[in-house]
Amino acid sequence: MAARKTTKKPNVSAEELTTYYREMLLIRRFEEKAGQLYGMGLIGGFCHLYIGQEAVVVGLEAAAKEGDKRITSYRDHGHMLACGMDPGGVMAELTGRIGGLSKGKGGSMHMFSKEKNFYGGHGIVGAQVPLGAGLAFADKYKENGGVTFTYFGDGAANQGQVYETFNMAALWDLPVVFVIENNQYAMGTSQARSTSTKDIYHRGEAFGIPGEIVNGMDVLAVKAAGEKAVAHCRAGKGPYILEVKTYRYRGHSMSDPAKYRTREEVQKVREQSDPIEHVRELLLTGKHASEDDLKAIDKEIKEIVNQAAEFSKESPEPSVEELWTDIYA
């Protein structure tokens, strides 16, 4: 990958930079392994990879505090890992095994963790947005100071329920950060062809909701914007919108050949804007880490992912009796 010159020094410690590098690399290597398992037939159904978008969730998790909640769509493996869910449990859920975080009964789109305040993974486009507002309503009702990060994409931004939710969130001053992960292609149609406005966050102005655009390929920029949004919510000023401009390297799902864009376009983004390479460069040019240090981190991450993959293959499939457990209605 072509090297980029960085002149501005980041206002962040070497330890923090290393943490962000490690967390983004874990998501990248995990998703690469998930893609391999899908190709081997060990992961069935849908599989939506987060490769290229790692800085979004890592940056926002850096702005969160204990007790904050998160909810997202079906491109959710990165969110699970970033909030601390076990890689083995996530991978085992993808392969439909009993060791999965939903006992192999949910798969990618229906995985939850009460312990980590992760409320899914939702397969219906935009359905998580009103649910996220509901989580924020609970925080306001309990007066616990919590904030909910509600993630959705540029495609979901055209769903009507999103704007019904904006209206209620503004009326009730809910502590919710609406995060538009704008990877510019939704399922397979460019934003320029599907959305009437260039910048989606402006739509919040009709409801009195402030917002901004963020460079989603820069984890430090995302963290800074996240801290601003969270402070707004915790101060009782209501919701905030972050339109995070990012880019996915793979297709919408593993079954998508992504013929709606050129390979040259994807390669250009990889070479000029890759979020992991950006932090890697900051670590090296700032003399916070050596090439050998970063190789050691990569080796460690690969071992974690390989162990998760082995666990996901060795864990047994759920028994028939599991059909009758975890039923609440």
C-alpha atoms as a PDB file:
ATOM      1  CA  MET A   1       0.000   0.000   0.000  1.00  0.00           C
ATOM      2  CA  ALA A   2       1.306   3.432  -0.893  1.00  0.00           C
ATOM      3  CA  ALA A   3       2.649   5.383   2.049  1.00  0.00           C
ATOM      4  CA  ARG A   4       1.056   8.695   2.985  1.00  0.00           C
ATOM      5  CA  LYS A   5       2.812  11.584   4.624  1.00  0.00           C
ATOM      6  CA  THR A   6       1.312  12.789   7.869  1.00  0.00           C
ATOM      7  CA  THR A   7       2.334  16.223   9.136  1.00  0.00           C
ATOM      8  CA  LYS A   8      -0.266  16.880  11.829  1.00  0.00           C
ATOM      9  CA  LYS A   9       0.467  15.237  15.174  1.00  0.00           C
ATOM     10  CA  PRO A  10      -2.534  13.469  16.706  1.00  0.00           C
ATOM     11  CA  ASN A  11      -3.714  14.601  20.126  1.00  0.00           C
ATOM     12  CA  VAL A  12      -3.765  11.063  21.449  1.00  0.00           C
ATOM     13  CA  SER A  13      -1.412   8.859  23.425  1.00  0.00           C
ATOM     14  CA  ALA A  14       0.640   6.032  21.970  1.00  0.00           C
ATOM     15  CA  GLU A  15      -1.325   3.591  24.127  1.00  0.00           C
ATOM     16  CA  GLU A  16      -4.640   4.802  22.709  1.00  0.00           C
ATOM     17  CA  LEU A  17      -3.368   4.645  19.128  1.00  0.00           C
ATOM     18  CA  THR A  18      -2.148   1.099  19.678  1.00  0.00           C
ATOM     19  CA  THR A  19      -5.510   0.123  21.151  1.00  0.00           C
ATOM     20  CA  TYR A  20      -7.391   1.518  18.157  1.00  0.00           C
ATOM     21  CA  TYR A  21      -5.002  -0.239  15.787  1.00  0.00           C
ATOM     22  CA  ARG A  22      -5.477  -3.544  17.598  1.00  0.00           C
ATOM     23  CA  GLU A  23      -9.279  -3.245  17.717  1.00  0.00           C
ATOM     24  CA  MET A  24      -9.620  -2.329  14.045  1.00  0.00           C
ATOM     25  CA  LEU A  25      -7.232  -5.095  13.045  1.00  0.00           C
ATOM     26  CA  LEU A  26      -9.253  -7.620  15.054  1.00  0.00           C
ATOM     27  CA  ILE A  27     -12.390  -6.653  13.132  1.00  0.00           C
ATOM     28  CA  ARG A  28     -10.556  -6.805   9.796  1.00  0.00           C
ATOM     29  CA  ARG A  29      -9.001 -10.231  10.426  1.00  0.00           C
ATOM     30  CA  PHE A  30     -12.231 -11.594  11.921  1.00  0.00           C
ATOM     31  CA  GLU A  31     -14.228 -10.542   8.868  1.00  0.00           C
ATOM     32  CA  GLU A  32     -11.631 -11.978   6.506  1.00  0.00           C
ATOM     33  CA  LYS A  33     -11.882 -15.295   8.353  1.00  0.00           C
ATOM     34  CA  ALA A  34     -15.697 -15.145   8.297  1.00  0.00           C
ATOM     35  CA  GLY A  35     -15.511 -14.690   4.539  1.00  0.00           C
ATOM     36  CA  GLN A  36     -13.326 -17.795   4.301  1.00  0.00           C
ATOM     37  CA  LEU A  37     -15.717 -19.869   6.413  1.00  0.00           C
ATOM     38  CA  TYR A  38     -18.625 -18.691   4.279  1.00  0.00           C
ATOM     39  CA  GLY A  39     -16.776 -19.806   1.161  1.00  0.00           C
ATOM     40  CA  MET A  40     -16.221 -23.208   2.783  1.00  0.00           C
ATOM     41  CA  GLY A  41     -19.943 -23.555   3.428  1.00  0.00           C
ATOM     42  CA  LEU A  42     -19.580 -23.357   7.215  1.00  0.00           C
ATOM     43  CA  ILE A  43     -21.552 -20.105   7.430  1.00  0.00           C
ATOM     44  CA  GLY A  44     -24.949 -20.225   5.778  1.00  0.00           C
ATOM     45  CA  GLY A  45     -27.557 -17.639   4.933  1.00  0.00           C
ATOM     46  CA  PHE A  46     -26.492 -14.018   4.796  1.00  0.00           C
ATOM     47  CA  CYS A  47     -23.065 -12.678   5.710  1.00  0.00           C
ATOM     48  CA  HIS A  48     -22.416  -8.916   5.566  1.00  0.00           C
ATOM     49  CA  LEU A  49     -18.781  -7.974   6.160  1.00  0.00           C
ATOM     50  CA  TYR A  50     -17.539  -4.757   7.766  1.00  0.00           C
ATOM     51  CA  ILE A  51     -14.174  -4.594   5.991  1.00  0.00           C
ATOM     52  CA  GLY A  52     -13.222  -0.960   5.388  1.00  0.00           C
ATOM     53  CA  GLN A  53     -15.604   0.528   7.956  1.00  0.00           C
ATOM     54  CA  GLU A  54     -13.654  -0.418  11.091  1.00  0.00           C
ATOM     55  CA  ALA A  55     -12.836   3.152  12.180  1.00  0.00           C
ATOM     56  CA  VAL A  56     -16.514   4.021  12.619  1.00  0.00           C
ATOM     57  CA  VAL A  57     -17.398   1.695  15.447  1.00  0.00           C
ATOM     58  CA  VAL A  58     -13.942   1.714  17.073  1.00  0.00           C
ATOM     59  CA  GLY A  59     -13.945   5.514  17.183  1.00  0.00           C
ATOM     60  CA  LEU A  60     -17.441   5.729  18.636  1.00  0.00           C
ATOM     61  CA  GLU A  61     -16.823   3.026  21.215  1.00  0.00           C
ATOM     62  CA  ALA A  62     -13.849   5.126  22.351  1.00  0.00           C
ATOM     63  CA  ALA A  63     -16.329   7.942  23.064  1.00  0.00           C
ATOM     64  CA  ALA A  64     -18.751   5.714  24.993  1.00  0.00           C
ATOM     65  CA  LYS A  65     -18.812   4.962  28.705  1.00  0.00           C
ATOM     66  CA  GLU A  66     -19.880   1.966  30.755  1.00  0.00           C
ATOM     67  CA  GLY A  67     -23.636   1.463  30.494  1.00  0.00           C
ATOM     68  CA  ASP A  68     -24.101   3.118  27.114  1.00  0.00           C
ATOM     69  CA  LYS A  69     -26.086   1.064  24.611  1.00  0.00           C
ATOM     70  CA  ARG A  70     -25.700   0.256  20.940  1.00  0.00           C
ATOM     71  CA  ILE A  71     -28.013  -1.136  18.282  1.00  0.00           C
ATOM     72  CA  THR A  72     -27.369  -1.630  14.584  1.00  0.00           C
ATOM     73  CA  SER A  73     -28.315  -3.397  11.371  1.00  0.00           C
ATOM     74  CA  TYR A  74     -27.200  -6.720   9.917  1.00  0.00           C
ATOM     75  CA  ARG A  75     -23.609  -5.515   9.174  1.00  0.00           C
ATOM     76  CA  ASP A  76     -22.894  -6.002  12.838  1.00  0.00           C
ATOM     77  CA  HIS A  77     -19.875  -8.211  13.529  1.00  0.00           C
ATOM     78  CA  GLY A  78     -17.605  -5.186  13.933  1.00  0.00           C
ATOM     79  CA  HIS A  79     -19.933  -3.616  16.475  1.00  0.00           C
ATOM     80  CA  MET A  80     -19.991  -6.830  18.491  1.00  0.00           C
ATOM     81  CA  LEU A  81     -16.230  -7.080  18.648  1.00  0.00           C
ATOM     82  CA  ALA A  82     -15.711  -3.372  19.359  1.00  0.00           C
ATOM     83  CA  CYS A  83     -17.961  -3.457  22.431  1.00  0.00           C
ATOM     84  CA  GLY A  84     -16.099  -6.458  23.814  1.00  0.00           C
ATOM     85  CA  MET A  85     -18.177  -9.471  22.837  1.00  0.00           C
ATOM     86  CA  ASP A  86     -16.207 -12.730  22.674  1.00  0.00           C
ATOM     87  CA  PRO A  87     -14.849 -13.465  19.151  1.00  0.00           C
ATOM     88  CA  GLY A  88     -15.382 -17.199  19.648  1.00  0.00           C
ATOM     89  CA  GLY A  89     -19.008 -16.686  20.624  1.00  0.00           C
ATOM     90  CA  VAL A  90     -19.596 -14.384  17.665  1.00  0.00           C
ATOM     91  CA  MET A  91     -18.015 -16.771  15.165  1.00  0.00           C
ATOM     92  CA  ALA A  92     -19.830 -19.784  16.622  1.00  0.00           C
ATOM     93  CA  GLU A  93     -23.116 -17.956  16.194  1.00  0.00           C
ATOM     94  CA  LEU A  94     -22.274 -17.332  12.539  1.00  0.00           C
ATOM     95  CA  THR A  95     -21.708 -21.059  12.050  1.00  0.00           C
ATOM     96  CA  GLY A  96     -24.929 -21.890  13.928  1.00  0.00           C
ATOM     97  CA  ARG A  97     -23.350 -23.692  16.889  1.00  0.00           C
ATOM     98  CA  ILE A  98     -24.432 -24.012  20.517  1.00  0.00           C
ATOM     99  CA  GLY A  99     -21.362 -22.039  21.624  1.00  0.00           C
ATOM    100  CA  GLY A 100     -22.678 -18.983  19.823  1.00  0.00           C
ATOM    101  CA  LEU A 101     -23.878 -15.949  21.726  1.00  0.00           C
ATOM    102  CA  SER A 102     -27.467 -16.785  20.785  1.00  0.00           C
ATOM    103  CA  LYS A 103     -26.866 -20.557  21.088  1.00  0.00           C
ATOM    104  CA  GLY A 104     -26.651 -20.883  17.311  1.00  0.00           C
ATOM    105  CA  LYS A 105     -30.303 -19.947  16.863  1.00  0.00           C
ATOM    106  CA  GLY A 106     -29.901 -16.346  15.745  1.00  0.00           C
ATOM    107  CA  GLY A 107     -27.058 -16.097  13.315  1.00  0.00           C
ATOM    108  CA  SER A 108     -25.555 -12.819  12.197  1.00  0.00           C
ATOM    109  CA  MET A 109     -28.775 -10.807  12.247  1.00  0.00           C
ATOM    110  CA  HIS A 110     -30.104 -11.851  15.651  1.00  0.00           C
ATOM    111  CA  MET A 111     -27.213 -11.750  18.070  1.00  0.00           C
ATOM    112  CA  PHE A 112     -27.474  -9.888  21.361  1.00  0.00           C
ATOM    113  CA  SER A 113     -25.492  -9.348  24.540  1.00  0.00           C
ATOM    114  CA  LYS A 114     -27.202  -7.913  27.580  1.00  0.00           C
ATOM    115  CA  GLU A 115     -23.866  -7.929  29.365  1.00  0.00           C
ATOM    116  CA  LYS A 116     -22.303  -5.627  26.736  1.00  0.00           C
ATOM    117  CA  ASN A 117     -25.487  -3.602  26.119  1.00  0.00           C
ATOM    118  CA  PHE A 118     -25.554  -4.724  22.497  1.00  0.00           C
ATOM    119  CA  TYR A 119     -29.137  -4.957  21.277  1.00  0.00           C
ATOM    120  CA  GLY A 120     -28.661  -6.445  17.796  1.00  0.00           C
ATOM    121  CA  GLY A 121     -28.209  -6.934  14.683  1.00  0.00           C
ATOM    122  CA  HIS A 122     -31.518  -6.375  12.837  1.00  0.00           C
ATOM    123  CA  GLY A 123     -32.377  -7.734   9.416  1.00  0.00           C
ATOM    124  CA  ILE A 124     -35.246  -5.393   8.534  1.00  0.00           C
ATOM    125  CA  VAL A 125     -33.846  -2.206   6.988  1.00  0.00           C
ATOM    126  CA  GLY A 126     -34.241   0.709   9.402  1.00  0.00           C
ATOM    127  CA  ALA A 127     -36.141  -1.301  12.026  1.00  0.00           C
ATOM    128  CA  GLN A 128     -33.449  -0.729  14.644  1.00  0.00           C
ATOM    129  CA  VAL A 129     -33.844   3.068  14.543  1.00  0.00           C
ATOM    130  CA  PRO A 130     -37.107   3.322  16.544  1.00  0.00           C
ATOM    131  CA  LEU A 131     -35.837   0.564  18.836  1.00  0.00           C
ATOM    132  CA  GLY A 132     -32.734   2.651  19.507  1.00  0.00           C
ATOM    133  CA  ALA A 133     -34.924   5.600  20.434  1.00  0.00           C
ATOM    134  CA  GLY A 134     -36.790   3.303  22.811  1.00  0.00           C
ATOM    135  CA  LEU A 135     -33.538   2.338  24.514  1.00  0.00           C
ATOM    136  CA  ALA A 136     -32.707   6.025  24.887  1.00  0.00           C
ATOM    137  CA  PHE A 137     -36.194   6.677  26.302  1.00  0.00           C
ATOM    138  CA  ALA A 138     -35.493   4.090  28.997  1.00  0.00           C
ATOM    139  CA  ASP A 139     -32.243   5.849  29.905  1.00  0.00           C
ATOM    140  CA  LYS A 140     -33.998   9.201  30.192  1.00  0.00           C
ATOM    141  CA  TYR A 141     -36.816   7.678  32.256  1.00  0.00           C
ATOM    142  CA  LYS A 142     -34.323   6.086  34.635  1.00  0.00           C
ATOM    143  CA  GLU A 143     -32.154   9.228  34.704  1.00  0.00           C
ATOM    144  CA  ASN A 144     -29.018   7.106  34.535  1.00  0.00           C
ATOM    145  CA  GLY A 145     -27.045   9.355  32.173  1.00  0.00           C
ATOM    146  CA  GLY A 146     -26.815   6.694  29.490  1.00  0.00           C
ATOM    147  CA  VAL A 147     -26.584   7.320  25.760  1.00  0.00           C
ATOM    148  CA  THR A 148     -27.664   4.993  22.930  1.00  0.00           C
ATOM    149  CA  PHE A 149     -25.735   4.739  19.676  1.00  0.00           C
ATOM    150  CA  THR A 150     -28.248   3.917  16.944  1.00  0.00           C
ATOM    151  CA  TYR A 151     -26.485   2.872  13.736  1.00  0.00           C
ATOM    152  CA  PHE A 152     -28.059   2.706  10.285  1.00  0.00           C
ATOM    153  CA  GLY A 153     -26.874   3.081   6.711  1.00  0.00           C
ATOM    154  CA  ASP A 154     -27.384   5.539   3.883  1.00  0.00           C
ATOM    155  CA  GLY A 155     -29.951   3.204   2.346  1.00  0.00           C
ATOM    156  CA  ALA A 156     -31.971   2.969   5.548  1.00  0.00           C
ATOM    157  CA  ALA A 157     -31.885   6.767   5.792  1.00  0.00           C
ATOM    158  CA  ASN A 158     -34.652   6.847   3.179  1.00  0.00           C
ATOM    159  CA  GLN A 159     -37.018   4.773   5.328  1.00  0.00           C
ATOM    160  CA  GLY A 160     -40.054   6.594   6.710  1.00  0.00           C
ATOM    161  CA  GLN A 161     -39.742   5.160  10.211  1.00  0.00           C
ATOM    162  CA  VAL A 162     -36.400   6.951  10.556  1.00  0.00           C
ATOM    163  CA  TYR A 163     -38.119  10.348  10.377  1.00  0.00           C
ATOM    164  CA  GLU A 164     -40.955   9.344  12.653  1.00  0.00           C
ATOM    165  CA  THR A 165     -38.240   8.428  15.140  1.00  0.00           C
ATOM    166  CA  PHE A 166     -36.394  11.716  14.622  1.00  0.00           C
ATOM    167  CA  ASN A 167     -39.611  13.554  15.463  1.00  0.00           C
ATOM    168  CA  MET A 168     -40.244  11.649  18.691  1.00  0.00           C
ATOM    169  CA  ALA A 169     -36.598  11.784  19.763  1.00  0.00           C
ATOM    170  CA  ALA A 170     -36.594  15.565  19.304  1.00  0.00           C
ATOM    171  CA  LEU A 171     -39.922  16.033  21.099  1.00  0.00           C
ATOM    172  CA  TRP A 172     -38.734  14.055  24.092  1.00  0.00           C
ATOM    173  CA  ASP A 173     -35.081  15.202  24.071  1.00  0.00           C
ATOM    174  CA  LEU A 174     -33.888  11.605  23.994  1.00  0.00           C
ATOM    175  CA  PRO A 175     -30.169  10.903  24.622  1.00  0.00           C
ATOM    176  CA  VAL A 176     -29.566   9.112  21.327  1.00  0.00           C
ATOM    177  CA  VAL A 177     -26.780   9.505  18.781  1.00  0.00           C
ATOM    178  CA  PHE A 178     -28.088   8.595  15.342  1.00  0.00           C
ATOM    179  CA  VAL A 179     -25.094   7.272  13.415  1.00  0.00           C
ATOM    180  CA  ILE A 180     -25.500   7.149   9.637  1.00  0.00           C
ATOM    181  CA  GLU A 181     -22.816   4.766   8.401  1.00  0.00           C
ATOM    182  CA  ASN A 182     -22.732   6.161   4.891  1.00  0.00           C
ATOM    183  CA  ASN A 183     -20.720   3.674   2.834  1.00  0.00           C
ATOM    184  CA  GLN A 184     -22.110   5.386  -0.277  1.00  0.00           C
ATOM    185  CA  TYR A 185     -23.744   2.360  -1.918  1.00  0.00           C
ATOM    186  CA  ALA A 186     -26.488   1.077   0.406  1.00  0.00           C
ATOM    187  CA  MET A 187     -27.286  -2.399  -0.955  1.00  0.00           C
ATOM    188  CA  GLY A 188     -25.916  -1.629  -4.404  1.00  0.00           C
ATOM    189  CA  THR A 189     -27.128   1.778  -5.575  1.00  0.00           C
ATOM    190  CA  SER A 190     -24.918   4.835  -5.169  1.00  0.00           C
ATOM    191  CA  GLN A 191     -26.136   7.594  -2.893  1.00  0.00           C
ATOM    192  CA  ALA A 192     -26.108  10.026  -5.824  1.00  0.00           C
ATOM    193  CA  ARG A 193     -28.768   7.917  -7.578  1.00  0.00           C
ATOM    194  CA  SER A 194     -30.888   7.026  -4.546  1.00  0.00           C
ATOM    195  CA  THR A 195     -30.869  10.068  -2.275  1.00  0.00           C
ATOM    196  CA  SER A 196     -32.113  13.550  -3.157  1.00  0.00           C
ATOM    197  CA  THR A 197     -29.666  15.357  -0.884  1.00  0.00           C
ATOM    198  CA  LYS A 198     -25.879  15.179  -0.940  1.00  0.00           C
ATOM    199  CA  ASP A 199     -25.580  15.281   2.854  1.00  0.00           C
ATOM    200  CA  ILE A 200     -28.088  13.139   4.723  1.00  0.00           C
ATOM    201  CA  TYR A 201     -27.581  14.602   8.204  1.00  0.00           C
ATOM    202  CA  HIS A 202     -29.229  17.872   7.072  1.00  0.00           C
ATOM    203  CA  ARG A 203     -32.564  16.074   7.195  1.00  0.00           C
ATOM    204  CA  GLY A 204     -32.445  16.326  10.969  1.00  0.00           C
ATOM    205  CA  GLU A 205     -32.776  20.111  10.715  1.00  0.00           C
ATOM    206  CA  ALA A 206     -36.500  19.733  10.018  1.00  0.00           C
ATOM    207  CA  PHE A 207     -36.821  18.292  13.534  1.00  0.00           C
ATOM    208  CA  GLY A 208     -34.354  20.628  15.205  1.00  0.00           C
ATOM    209  CA  ILE A 209     -31.709  17.904  15.535  1.00  0.00           C
ATOM    210  CA  PRO A 210     -28.109  19.113  15.109  1.00  0.00           C
ATOM    211  CA  GLY A 211     -25.522  17.034  13.325  1.00  0.00           C
ATOM    212  CA  GLU A 212     -22.360  16.922  11.278  1.00  0.00           C
ATOM    213  CA  ILE A 213     -20.352  14.987   8.718  1.00  0.00           C
ATOM    214  CA  VAL A 214     -17.411  12.921   9.901  1.00  0.00           C
ATOM    215  CA  ASN A 215     -14.525  11.298   8.034  1.00  0.00           C
ATOM    216  CA  GLY A 216     -15.303   7.677   8.774  1.00  0.00           C
ATOM    217  CA  MET A 217     -11.906   6.480   7.540  1.00  0.00           C
ATOM    218  CA  ASP A 218     -10.131   8.335  10.378  1.00  0.00           C
ATOM    219  CA  VAL A 219     -10.680   6.761  13.789  1.00  0.00           C
ATOM    220  CA  LEU A 220      -9.472   9.881  15.617  1.00  0.00           C
ATOM    221  CA  ALA A 221     -11.909  12.115  13.740  1.00  0.00           C
ATOM    222  CA  VAL A 222     -14.731   9.710  14.571  1.00  0.00           C
ATOM    223  CA  LYS A 223     -13.746   9.635  18.246  1.00  0.00           C
ATOM    224  CA  ALA A 224     -13.673  13.444  18.441  1.00  0.00           C
ATOM    225  CA  ALA A 225     -17.079  13.772  16.786  1.00  0.00           C
ATOM    226  CA  GLY A 226     -18.443  11.025  19.014  1.00  0.00           C
ATOM    227  CA  GLU A 227     -17.298  12.812  22.149  1.00  0.00           C
ATOM    228  CA  LYS A 228     -19.023  16.006  20.982  1.00  0.00           C
ATOM    229  CA  ALA A 229     -22.262  14.147  20.218  1.00  0.00           C
ATOM    230  CA  VAL A 230     -22.221  12.241  23.506  1.00  0.00           C
ATOM    231  CA  ALA A 231     -21.609  15.426  25.506  1.00  0.00           C
ATOM    232  CA  HIS A 232     -24.619  17.006  23.750  1.00  0.00           C
ATOM    233  CA  CYS A 233     -26.832  14.063  24.702  1.00  0.00           C
ATOM    234  CA  ARG A 234     -25.612  13.762  28.288  1.00  0.00           C
ATOM    235  CA  ALA A 235     -26.277  17.473  28.795  1.00  0.00           C
ATOM    236  CA  GLY A 236     -29.982  16.835  28.180  1.00  0.00           C
ATOM    237  CA  LYS A 237     -30.042  18.619  24.833  1.00  0.00           C
ATOM    238  CA  GLY A 238     -31.675  15.739  22.968  1.00  0.00           C
ATOM    239  CA  PRO A 239     -30.534  13.688  19.973  1.00  0.00           C
ATOM    240  CA  TYR A 240     -27.573  14.267  17.661  1.00  0.00           C
ATOM    241  CA  ILE A 241     -26.836  12.998  14.148  1.00  0.00           C
ATOM    242  CA  LEU A 242     -23.433  11.883  12.920  1.00  0.00           C
ATOM    243  CA  GLU A 243     -23.188  11.151   9.204  1.00  0.00           C
ATOM    244  CA  VAL A 244     -20.006   9.110   9.040  1.00  0.00           C
ATOM    245  CA  LYS A 245     -18.638   8.917   5.507  1.00  0.00           C
ATOM    246  CA  THR A 246     -17.050   5.508   5.128  1.00  0.00           C
ATOM    247  CA  TYR A 247     -16.550   2.796   2.499  1.00  0.00           C
ATOM    248  CA  ARG A 248     -16.927  -0.957   2.387  1.00  0.00           C
ATOM    249  CA  TYR A 249     -14.406  -2.910   0.336  1.00  0.00           C
ATOM    250  CA  ARG A 250     -16.578  -5.978  -0.195  1.00  0.00           C
ATOM    251  CA  GLY A 251     -20.048  -6.255  -1.676  1.00  0.00           C
ATOM    252  CA  HIS A 252     -23.236  -5.674   0.273  1.00  0.00           C
ATOM    253  CA  SER A 253     -23.135  -9.322   1.300  1.00  0.00           C
ATOM    254  CA  MET A 254     -20.998 -12.310   0.396  1.00  0.00           C
ATOM    255  CA  SER A 255     -23.377 -13.075  -2.479  1.00  0.00           C
ATOM    256  CA  ASP A 256     -22.956  -9.607  -4.029  1.00  0.00           C
ATOM    257  CA  PRO A 257     -20.461  -9.352  -6.929  1.00  0.00           C
ATOM    258  CA  ALA A 258     -20.500  -5.530  -6.565  1.00  0.00           C
ATOM    259  CA  LYS A 259     -20.542  -4.834 -10.296  1.00  0.00           C
ATOM    260  CA  TYR A 260     -21.985  -1.370  -9.684  1.00  0.00           C
ATOM    261  CA  ARG A 261     -18.500   0.038  -9.024  1.00  0.00           C
ATOM    262  CA  THR A 262     -15.051  -0.458 -10.494  1.00  0.00           C
ATOM    263  CA  ARG A 263     -12.155  -2.331  -8.955  1.00  0.00           C
ATOM    264  CA  GLU A 264     -10.054   0.769  -9.559  1.00  0.00           C
ATOM    265  CA  GLU A 265     -12.370   2.790  -7.304  1.00  0.00           C
ATOM    266  CA  VAL A 266     -12.063   0.291  -4.471  1.00  0.00           C
ATOM    267  CA  GLN A 267      -8.303   0.056  -4.864  1.00  0.00           C
ATOM    268  CA  LYS A 268      -7.966   3.833  -4.786  1.00  0.00           C
ATOM    269  CA  VAL A 269      -9.800   4.020  -1.461  1.00  0.00           C
ATOM    270  CA  ARG A 270      -7.642   1.210  -0.063  1.00  0.00           C
ATOM    271  CA  GLU A 271      -4.455   2.987  -1.078  1.00  0.00           C
ATOM    272  CA  GLN A 272      -5.409   6.495  -0.018  1.00  0.00           C
ATOM    273  CA  SER A 273      -7.846   6.159   2.882  1.00  0.00           C
ATOM    274  CA  ASP A 274      -7.577   2.778   4.601  1.00  0.00           C
ATOM    275  CA  PRO A 275      -8.397   3.379   8.303  1.00  0.00           C
ATOM    276  CA  ILE A 276      -6.020   0.743   9.659  1.00  0.00           C
ATOM    277  CA  GLU A 277      -3.134   1.832   7.460  1.00  0.00           C
ATOM    278  CA  HIS A 278      -3.686   5.415   8.636  1.00  0.00           C
ATOM    279  CA  VAL A 279      -3.199   4.492  12.301  1.00  0.00           C
ATOM    280  CA  ARG A 280      -0.328   2.190  11.398  1.00  0.00           C
ATOM    281  CA  GLU A 281       1.418   5.142   9.779  1.00  0.00           C
ATOM    282  CA  LEU A 282       0.815   7.345  12.823  1.00  0.00           C
ATOM    283  CA  LEU A 283       2.363   4.701  15.056  1.00  0.00           C
ATOM    284  CA  LEU A 284       5.424   4.328  12.844  1.00  0.00           C
ATOM    285  CA  THR A 285       6.067   7.980  12.005  1.00  0.00           C
ATOM    286  CA  GLY A 286       5.508   8.980  15.640  1.00  0.00           C
ATOM    287  CA  LYS A 287       7.983   6.267  16.695  1.00  0.00           C
ATOM    288  CA  HIS A 288       5.340   4.775  18.975  1.00  0.00           C
ATOM    289  CA  ALA A 289       5.890   1.341  17.484  1.00  0.00           C
ATOM    290  CA  SER A 290       8.284  -0.467  15.180  1.00  0.00           C
ATOM    291  CA  GLU A 291       7.503  -2.703  12.215  1.00  0.00           C
ATOM    292  CA  ASP A 292       8.305  -5.689  14.419  1.00  0.00           C
ATOM    293  CA  ASP A 293       5.889  -4.449  17.110  1.00  0.00           C
ATOM    294  CA  LEU A 294       3.063  -4.204  14.574  1.00  0.00           C
ATOM    295  CA  LYS A 295       3.896  -7.612  13.099  1.00  0.00           C
ATOM    296  CA  ALA A 296       3.657  -9.057  16.612  1.00  0.00           C
ATOM    297  CA  ILE A 297       0.219  -7.475  17.076  1.00  0.00           C
ATOM    298  CA  ASP A 298      -0.940  -8.876  13.741  1.00  0.00           C
ATOM    299  CA  LYS A 299       0.311 -12.331  14.731  1.00  0.00           C
ATOM    300  CA  GLU A 300      -1.506 -12.123  18.059  1.00  0.00           C
ATOM    301  CA  ILE A 301      -4.751 -11.019  16.384  1.00  0.00           C
ATOM    302  CA  LYS A 302      -4.543 -13.820  13.820  1.00  0.00           C
ATOM    303  CA  GLU A 303      -4.150 -16.345  16.642  1.00  0.00           C
ATOM    304  CA  ILE A 304      -7.263 -14.959  18.387  1.00  0.00           C
ATOM    305  CA  VAL A 305      -9.260 -15.188  15.159  1.00  0.00           C
ATOM    306  CA  ASN A 306      -7.980 -18.661  14.334  1.00  0.00           C
ATOM    307  CA  GLN A 307      -8.949 -19.857  17.808  1.00  0.00           C
ATOM    308  CA  ALA A 308     -12.405 -18.340  17.329  1.00  0.00           C
ATOM    309  CA  ALA A 309     -12.743 -20.162  14.022  1.00  0.00           C
ATOM    310  CA  GLU A 310     -11.677 -23.470  15.540  1.00  0.00           C
ATOM    311  CA  PHE A 311     -14.124 -23.020  18.403  1.00  0.00           C
ATOM    312  CA  SER A 312     -16.897 -22.263  15.907  1.00  0.00           C
ATOM    313  CA  LYS A 313     -16.170 -25.482  14.027  1.00  0.00           C
ATOM    314  CA  GLU A 314     -15.749 -27.720  17.077  1.00  0.00           C
ATOM    315  CA  SER A 315     -18.782 -26.473  19.006  1.00  0.00           C
ATOM    316  CA  PRO A 316     -21.753 -28.834  18.445  1.00  0.00           C
ATOM    317  CA  GLU A 317     -24.931 -27.820  16.703  1.00  0.00           C
ATOM    318  CA  PRO A 318     -27.923 -27.006  18.948  1.00  0.00           C
ATOM    319  CA  SER A 319     -30.060 -29.969  19.958  1.00  0.00           C
ATOM    320  CA  VAL A 320     -33.696 -30.189  18.918  1.00  0.00           C
ATOM    321  CA  GLU A 321     -34.664 -29.389  22.516  1.00  0.00           C
ATOM    322  CA  GLU A 322     -33.204 -25.899  22.071  1.00  0.00           C
ATOM    323  CA  LEU A 323     -36.238 -25.051  19.948  1.00  0.00           C
ATOM    324  CA  TRP A 324     -38.230 -24.796  23.167  1.00  0.00           C
ATOM    325  CA  THR A 325     -35.833 -22.649  25.176  1.00  0.00           C
ATOM    326  CA  ASP A 326     -35.621 -18.842  25.369  1.00  0.00           C
ATOM    327  CA  ILE A 327     -39.282 -18.473  24.411  1.00  0.00           C
ATOM    328  CA  TYR A 328     -40.916 -15.506  26.102  1.00  0.00           C
ATOM    329  CA  ALA A 329     -44.358 -15.391  24.509  1.00  0.00           C
END
